[in-house]
Amino acid sequence: MLSIKNLPYFLFICLLSACANSVIERAPWNNTPVPVVYSIISPNETVQVYLNKTYRKNFPTLKNPYPEAQVYMCGPDNNWIKLTRLSPDTCIFEDSKKQLIVEKGKTYLLKVLLSDRTVQAQTTVISVPALILDASCILRGDTNFRFIFDSQRYDTLLVNNLSIKYSLPANKDCEYLFSANSEQIYGTRFPNEGRFQGIDFGTPKDSTSVSLELTTIDPYYKKYLNAEYINSISNSYSYNSPILALIQSFGGVLPQFSNILNGVGLFGNTVTDRKRVSIKPLAK
């Protein structure tokens, strides 16, 4: 999935915006630490929100800078659900009882109650995402190797020709990504034909099928992905990330883009279409 899956490196957006404007304005949060909120919601995925504070070298880094924080989210029914902090020393809040149902085309509101302010945001889930219409995966007859860091060994992969037919999202400002077993795959897109092709698609030797995913990303989230390759952290907030690099490395200087009121960050959404495809042997 690409929902709560992952985010830092806002610096690239700063550089891009600096090139686009003849006058560079001082962002109001450059000198005063402010709340940072990050949440990507998706249908069929548990809602999570990451809360932290922009970093300055003169201020201590805290695991939990807002111990008093209360985080709420609601859908079109205006039924505000209070999210649960996963542990006392974490910045991650979750809909642990799975009371929020994320649906395509619906608008969701987020609010974070702090001692000195209320942080707010909203996002409308993509109504017509890209869809996998058909796909084929055919063995090519040769092998490749992949290094497995966890076990410090090489794994042998069978090489396939992968072809996917797909429909484009209705909103042209959205982005879409192809994945297999939750790992992004690369190949050639033919958007006018609605076709994606990967001629070096590797699968484990014992695989007989592969789970393909086509994820559509809303325009706000797309801005961050265009700034830096960061979608690999949108699956989960493990290790108290996804914006740890931001709050530790960039001295509180953030880009002049944010859809968070009374704070900075991102509240966005993705929609993923999935299809399991059999791996076909070479034709005899």
Protein backbone atom coordinates (compact mmCIF):
# COMPACT_ATOMS: atom_id res chain seq x y z
CA MET A 1 0.00 0.00 0.00
CA LEU A 2 0.94 3.53 -0.34
CA SER A 3 -1.26 5.02 2.30
CA ILE A 4 0.33 5.57 5.63
CA LYS A 5 3.35 4.34 4.15
CA ASN A 6 6.09 7.41 4.40
CA LEU A 7 8.24 11.57 4.16
CA PRO A 8 11.18 14.14 4.51
CA TYR A 9 13.55 16.16 2.22
CA PHE A 10 11.35 19.24 1.97
CA LEU A 11 14.52 21.15 1.11
CA PHE A 12 14.09 20.37 -2.56
CA ILE A 13 10.73 22.12 -2.54
CA CYS A 14 12.42 25.16 -1.02
CA LEU A 15 14.89 25.18 -3.89
CA LEU A 16 12.17 24.73 -6.49
CA SER A 17 10.05 27.53 -5.06
CA ALA A 18 13.11 29.79 -4.82
CA CYS A 19 13.78 29.29 -8.53
CA ALA A 20 10.15 30.04 -9.39
CA ASN A 21 9.90 33.34 -7.48
CA SER A 22 11.89 36.53 -7.98
CA VAL A 23 11.28 37.52 -4.36
CA ILE A 24 11.96 35.04 -1.57
CA GLU A 25 9.74 35.65 1.44
CA ARG A 26 10.74 34.68 4.95
CA ALA A 27 8.53 31.81 6.09
CA PRO A 28 6.86 32.55 9.46
CA TRP A 29 8.15 29.32 10.96
CA ASN A 30 11.82 29.89 10.16
CA ASN A 31 12.65 31.15 13.64
CA THR A 32 9.90 29.77 15.86
CA PRO A 33 9.27 26.03 16.14
CA VAL A 34 5.77 25.06 15.01
CA PRO A 35 3.81 21.79 14.87
CA VAL A 36 4.49 19.42 11.97
CA VAL A 37 1.63 17.10 10.98
CA TYR A 38 1.86 14.28 8.46
CA SER A 39 -0.89 11.84 7.48
CA ILE A 40 -1.71 9.92 4.31
CA ILE A 41 -5.06 8.14 4.43
CA SER A 42 -6.24 5.35 2.11
CA PRO A 43 -9.29 3.12 1.77
CA ASN A 44 -8.89 -0.21 3.61
CA GLU A 45 -5.93 1.09 5.61
CA THR A 46 -5.73 2.06 9.28
CA VAL A 47 -5.67 5.84 9.78
CA GLN A 48 -2.49 7.20 11.37
CA VAL A 49 -1.23 10.72 12.10
CA TYR A 50 2.36 11.74 12.83
CA LEU A 51 2.85 14.83 15.00
CA ASN A 52 6.13 16.55 15.79
CA LYS A 53 7.76 19.98 15.93
CA THR A 54 10.13 21.79 13.59
CA TYR A 55 13.70 21.60 14.75
CA ARG A 56 16.11 24.36 15.78
CA LYS A 57 19.63 23.82 17.08
CA ASN A 58 18.96 26.03 20.11
CA PHE A 59 16.02 23.89 21.21
CA PRO A 60 16.30 20.35 22.58
CA THR A 61 14.97 17.48 20.48
CA LEU A 62 12.12 15.71 22.25
CA LYS A 63 10.59 12.32 21.53
CA ASN A 64 7.21 13.74 22.43
CA PRO A 65 7.15 17.56 22.10
CA TYR A 66 3.37 17.73 22.58
CA PRO A 67 2.40 15.41 25.47
CA GLU A 68 -0.93 17.24 25.81
CA ALA A 69 -1.92 16.68 22.16
CA GLN A 70 -5.32 15.26 21.28
CA VAL A 71 -5.82 14.19 17.67
CA TYR A 72 -9.23 13.83 16.00
CA MET A 73 -10.45 12.96 12.51
CA CYS A 74 -13.90 12.82 10.96
CA GLY A 75 -15.54 11.99 7.66
CA PRO A 76 -18.64 13.42 5.95
CA ASP A 77 -20.81 12.34 8.91
CA ASN A 78 -19.01 14.87 11.18
CA ASN A 79 -18.51 12.15 13.78
CA TRP A 80 -15.15 13.10 15.27
CA ILE A 81 -13.05 10.04 16.20
CA LYS A 82 -10.29 10.50 18.76
CA LEU A 83 -7.07 8.78 17.69
CA THR A 84 -4.96 6.87 20.22
CA ARG A 85 -1.32 7.73 20.90
CA LEU A 86 0.52 4.44 20.34
CA SER A 87 2.75 4.87 23.41
CA PRO A 88 3.60 7.71 25.84
CA ASP A 89 6.91 8.52 24.12
CA THR A 90 5.73 8.36 20.52
CA CYS A 91 4.49 11.01 18.09
CA ILE A 92 2.19 8.55 16.29
CA PHE A 93 -1.58 8.51 16.70
CA GLU A 94 -3.81 5.77 15.28
CA ASP A 95 -7.45 4.86 14.85
CA SER A 96 -6.78 1.69 16.83
CA LYS A 97 -10.47 0.67 16.93
CA LYS A 98 -10.78 1.16 13.15
CA GLN A 99 -13.82 3.41 13.51
CA LEU A 100 -12.97 5.60 10.52
CA ILE A 101 -13.98 4.26 7.11
CA VAL A 102 -12.00 5.95 4.33
CA GLU A 103 -13.99 6.05 1.09
CA LYS A 104 -13.26 7.35 -2.40
CA GLY A 105 -14.64 10.80 -3.16
CA LYS A 106 -15.28 11.68 0.50
CA THR A 107 -13.77 14.61 2.43
CA TYR A 108 -12.01 14.05 5.77
CA LEU A 109 -11.14 16.64 8.41
CA LEU A 110 -8.21 16.50 10.82
CA LYS A 111 -7.69 18.55 13.97
CA VAL A 112 -4.96 18.46 16.59
CA LEU A 113 -5.69 20.16 19.92
CA LEU A 114 -2.58 21.65 21.56
CA SER A 115 -2.21 23.88 24.60
CA ASP A 116 -1.71 27.03 22.51
CA ARG A 117 -3.50 26.30 19.22
CA THR A 118 -5.69 24.00 17.16
CA VAL A 119 -4.02 22.57 14.07
CA GLN A 120 -6.43 21.73 11.22
CA ALA A 121 -6.43 20.24 7.73
CA GLN A 122 -8.67 18.49 5.25
CA THR A 123 -8.30 16.17 2.26
CA THR A 124 -10.75 14.78 -0.30
CA VAL A 125 -10.01 11.19 -1.26
CA ILE A 126 -9.50 10.57 -4.98
CA SER A 127 -12.86 9.69 -6.55
CA VAL A 128 -11.72 8.06 -9.82
CA PRO A 129 -8.25 6.50 -9.44
CA ALA A 130 -6.13 4.70 -12.02
CA LEU A 131 -7.17 1.04 -12.37
CA ILE A 132 -5.48 -2.14 -13.59
CA LEU A 133 -7.56 -3.39 -16.53
CA ASP A 134 -5.42 -6.38 -17.48
CA ALA A 135 -1.89 -7.67 -16.89
CA SER A 136 0.45 -10.44 -17.99
CA CYS A 137 3.75 -11.70 -16.58
CA ILE A 138 5.73 -14.06 -18.85
CA LEU A 139 9.06 -15.72 -18.00
CA ARG A 140 11.90 -14.53 -20.22
CA GLY A 141 14.18 -17.51 -19.64
CA ASP A 142 17.11 -15.89 -17.81
CA THR A 143 17.95 -14.96 -14.21
CA ASN A 144 19.15 -11.98 -12.20
CA PHE A 145 20.37 -11.42 -8.64
CA ARG A 146 19.14 -9.27 -5.77
CA PHE A 147 21.10 -8.51 -2.59
CA ILE A 148 19.13 -9.15 0.62
CA PHE A 149 20.45 -6.73 3.26
CA ASP A 150 18.76 -8.41 6.22
CA SER A 151 20.49 -11.72 5.59
CA GLN A 152 23.55 -10.34 3.77
CA ARG A 153 23.11 -12.71 0.84
CA TYR A 154 22.11 -12.73 -2.82
CA ASP A 155 18.78 -14.08 -3.99
CA THR A 156 18.22 -15.49 -7.48
CA LEU A 157 15.36 -13.94 -9.43
CA LEU A 158 13.65 -15.13 -12.58
CA VAL A 159 13.34 -12.36 -15.18
CA ASN A 160 9.94 -11.68 -16.75
CA ASN A 161 8.27 -9.50 -19.33
CA LEU A 162 5.56 -7.60 -17.47
CA SER A 163 2.76 -5.81 -19.29
CA ILE A 164 -0.06 -3.88 -17.61
CA LYS A 165 -3.07 -2.25 -19.22
CA TYR A 166 -4.56 0.49 -17.07
CA SER A 167 -6.94 3.44 -16.99
CA LEU A 168 -5.73 6.92 -16.08
CA PRO A 169 -7.04 8.81 -13.02
CA ALA A 170 -9.80 11.32 -13.77
CA ASN A 171 -7.81 14.14 -12.14
CA LYS A 172 -4.80 14.86 -14.34
CA ASP A 173 -3.01 16.52 -11.39
CA CYS A 174 -2.74 13.15 -9.64
CA GLU A 175 0.29 10.88 -9.90
CA TYR A 176 0.23 7.09 -10.16
CA LEU A 177 2.84 4.45 -9.31
CA PHE A 178 3.20 0.74 -10.10
CA SER A 179 4.25 -1.74 -7.42
CA ALA A 180 4.59 -5.49 -7.01
CA ASN A 181 4.25 -7.03 -3.56
CA SER A 182 4.38 -3.46 -2.14
CA GLU A 183 7.73 -2.62 -3.79
CA GLN A 184 7.75 -0.01 -6.54
CA ILE A 185 8.55 -1.33 -10.00
CA TYR A 186 10.00 0.58 -12.93
CA GLY A 187 9.42 0.34 -16.64
CA THR A 188 8.12 2.29 -19.61
CA ARG A 189 4.77 4.05 -19.50
CA PHE A 190 2.64 4.55 -22.61
CA PRO A 191 -0.10 6.74 -21.11
CA ASN A 192 -1.81 7.43 -24.45
CA GLU A 193 -2.25 3.67 -24.83
CA GLY A 194 -2.85 3.04 -21.14
CA ARG A 195 0.03 0.58 -21.07
CA PHE A 196 3.02 -0.08 -18.78
CA GLN A 197 5.85 -2.44 -19.73
CA GLY A 198 8.75 -3.82 -17.70
CA ILE A 199 11.18 -6.09 -19.57
CA ASP A 200 13.40 -6.84 -16.55
CA PHE A 201 10.79 -7.63 -13.91
CA GLY A 202 12.25 -10.08 -11.38
CA THR A 203 10.31 -12.59 -9.30
CA PRO A 204 11.55 -15.21 -6.77
CA LYS A 205 12.31 -18.66 -8.20
CA ASP A 206 9.43 -20.32 -6.37
CA SER A 207 6.78 -17.74 -7.33
CA THR A 208 3.85 -18.78 -9.46
CA SER A 209 2.04 -15.43 -9.27
CA VAL A 210 2.62 -11.81 -8.35
CA SER A 211 0.45 -9.19 -6.61
CA LEU A 212 0.40 -5.98 -8.65
CA GLU A 213 -0.63 -2.61 -7.23
CA LEU A 214 -1.45 0.62 -9.03
CA THR A 215 -1.52 3.52 -6.56
CA THR A 216 -3.00 6.92 -7.36
CA ILE A 217 -1.56 9.83 -5.34
CA ASP A 218 -3.46 13.05 -4.67
CA PRO A 219 -2.02 16.35 -6.01
CA TYR A 220 -0.77 17.57 -2.60
CA TYR A 221 1.17 14.37 -1.96
CA LYS A 222 2.45 14.46 -5.53
CA LYS A 223 4.22 17.76 -4.80
CA TYR A 224 6.31 16.04 -2.14
CA LEU A 225 7.07 13.04 -4.32
CA ASN A 226 8.19 15.32 -7.13
CA ALA A 227 10.55 17.08 -4.74
CA GLU A 228 12.31 13.92 -3.62
CA TYR A 229 11.84 10.19 -3.90
CA ILE A 230 10.02 9.60 -0.61
CA ASN A 231 7.16 7.16 -1.31
CA SER A 232 9.15 4.32 0.27
CA ILE A 233 8.20 5.64 3.71
CA SER A 234 4.46 5.93 3.17
CA ASN A 235 3.64 2.40 4.32
CA SER A 236 4.16 2.87 8.03
CA TYR A 237 5.48 5.14 10.73
CA SER A 238 7.93 2.60 12.10
CA TYR A 239 10.89 4.00 14.03
CA ASN A 240 8.90 7.17 14.78
CA SER A 241 9.46 8.49 11.27
CA PRO A 242 8.50 9.63 8.43
CA ILE A 243 9.72 13.20 8.91
CA LEU A 244 12.59 12.55 11.30
CA ALA A 245 15.15 13.80 8.76
CA LEU A 246 13.23 17.03 8.42
CA ILE A 247 13.05 17.88 12.11
CA GLN A 248 16.66 16.85 12.73
CA SER A 249 18.45 18.08 9.62
CA PHE A 250 16.95 21.25 8.19
CA GLY A 251 17.14 23.61 11.15
CA GLY A 252 13.45 24.48 11.12
CA VAL A 253 13.55 25.93 7.60
CA LEU A 254 10.58 24.46 5.76
CA PRO A 255 9.21 25.00 2.26
CA GLN A 256 6.50 27.54 1.64
CA PHE A 257 4.04 24.78 0.86
CA SER A 258 1.70 23.22 3.37
CA ASN A 259 -1.99 22.32 3.58
CA ILE A 260 -1.91 22.41 7.41
CA LEU A 261 -3.58 25.36 9.18
CA ASN A 262 -1.67 26.64 12.26
CA GLY A 263 1.21 24.28 11.49
CA VAL A 264 3.09 22.80 8.56
CA GLY A 265 3.11 19.43 6.82
CA LEU A 266 0.81 17.31 4.74
CA PHE A 267 -2.63 15.73 5.01
CA GLY A 268 -3.16 13.76 1.82
CA ASN A 269 -4.49 10.51 0.42
CA THR A 270 -3.87 7.64 -1.96
CA VAL A 271 -6.03 4.94 -3.54
CA THR A 272 -4.57 1.56 -4.55
CA ASP A 273 -5.99 -0.94 -7.05
CA ARG A 274 -4.68 -4.51 -6.77
CA LYS A 275 -4.61 -7.52 -9.08
CA ARG A 276 -2.96 -10.94 -8.66
CA VAL A 277 -1.41 -12.20 -11.90
CA SER A 278 -0.15 -15.69 -12.72
CA ILE A 279 3.42 -16.02 -14.01
CA LYS A 280 3.32 -17.79 -17.34
CA PRO A 281 6.12 -20.11 -18.51
CA LEU A 282 7.95 -19.62 -21.77
CA ALA A 283 6.06 -20.78 -24.85
CA LYS A 284 7.39 -24.10 -26.16
